[in-house]
Protein backbone atom coordinates (compact mmCIF):
# COMPACT_ATOMS: atom_id res chain seq x y z
CA UNK A 1 3.05 -24.93 -16.56
CA UNK A 2 1.20 -24.35 -19.88
CA UNK A 3 2.25 -22.91 -22.41
CA UNK A 4 1.53 -22.66 -26.94
CA UNK A 5 3.05 -22.76 -30.26
CA UNK A 6 2.17 -22.01 -33.17
CA UNK A 7 3.71 -24.43 -35.32
CA UNK A 8 4.50 -24.28 -38.80
CA UNK A 9 4.73 -27.57 -41.11
CA UNK A 10 7.81 -27.41 -42.22
CA UNK A 11 9.13 -27.57 -38.70
CA UNK A 12 6.57 -30.11 -37.11
CA UNK A 13 9.00 -33.06 -37.39
CA UNK A 14 11.57 -31.22 -35.93
CA UNK A 15 8.98 -30.14 -33.42
CA UNK A 16 7.54 -33.74 -32.50
CA UNK A 17 10.71 -35.19 -32.00
CA UNK A 18 11.94 -32.29 -29.20
CA UNK A 19 8.30 -32.70 -27.13
CA UNK A 20 9.21 -37.18 -27.94
CA UNK A 21 13.19 -37.21 -27.07
CA UNK A 22 11.85 -35.06 -23.01
CA UNK A 23 8.39 -36.84 -22.61
CA UNK A 24 6.40 -33.42 -22.82
CA UNK A 25 3.26 -33.86 -22.55
CA UNK A 26 0.82 -31.88 -25.65
CA UNK A 27 -1.82 -31.76 -26.95
CA UNK A 28 -2.23 -30.10 -30.86
CA UNK A 29 -5.64 -28.14 -29.77
CA UNK A 30 -6.48 -26.15 -34.22
CA UNK A 31 -4.84 -24.53 -36.03
CA UNK A 32 -3.84 -20.54 -36.91
CA UNK A 33 -5.77 -18.58 -40.16
CA UNK A 34 -2.57 -19.23 -41.24
CA UNK A 35 -2.20 -23.22 -41.40
CA UNK A 36 0.56 -23.34 -38.45
CA UNK A 37 -1.24 -26.14 -35.59
CA UNK A 38 -1.60 -25.16 -32.81
CA UNK A 39 0.04 -27.27 -30.25
CA UNK A 40 -0.58 -26.91 -25.81
CA UNK A 41 1.93 -28.16 -23.76
CA UNK A 42 2.93 -28.49 -20.32
CA UNK A 43 5.92 -28.62 -18.77
CA UNK A 44 7.09 -28.40 -15.63
CA UNK A 45 10.70 -26.38 -14.12
CA UNK A 46 12.98 -29.07 -14.62
CA UNK A 47 11.66 -29.01 -18.41
CA UNK A 48 12.30 -25.69 -18.91
CA UNK A 49 15.32 -26.03 -21.03
CA UNK A 50 13.67 -28.45 -23.04
CA UNK A 51 10.91 -25.80 -24.02
CA UNK A 52 13.03 -23.64 -24.52
CA UNK A 53 14.14 -25.36 -26.98
CA UNK A 54 11.27 -25.84 -28.27
CA UNK A 55 10.68 -21.77 -28.60
CA UNK A 56 13.77 -20.94 -30.12
CA UNK A 57 13.18 -23.07 -32.81
CA UNK A 58 9.33 -21.35 -33.38
CA UNK A 59 10.98 -18.23 -33.09
CA UNK A 60 13.73 -18.31 -35.38
CA UNK A 61 11.96 -19.22 -38.51
CA UNK A 62 9.64 -16.44 -37.26
CA UNK A 63 11.86 -14.67 -37.88
CA UNK A 64 13.07 -15.08 -41.24
CA UNK A 65 9.76 -14.99 -42.40
CA UNK A 66 10.20 -11.24 -41.53
CA UNK A 67 12.94 -11.05 -44.04
């Protein structure tokens, strides 16, 4: 499975640490208009917990921006 994340600059290190700890295959494929990195992550079913952790990290940041 493959999913894409829009990662803000201030979360790049924490995002990368999760990728590295879980040995997830990933690639930076571009940037968004608001200067977020677009990162594509490949994963298998047994790596879903790590991907959910990445989703939570990015979603938490987006919720804080809205407040």
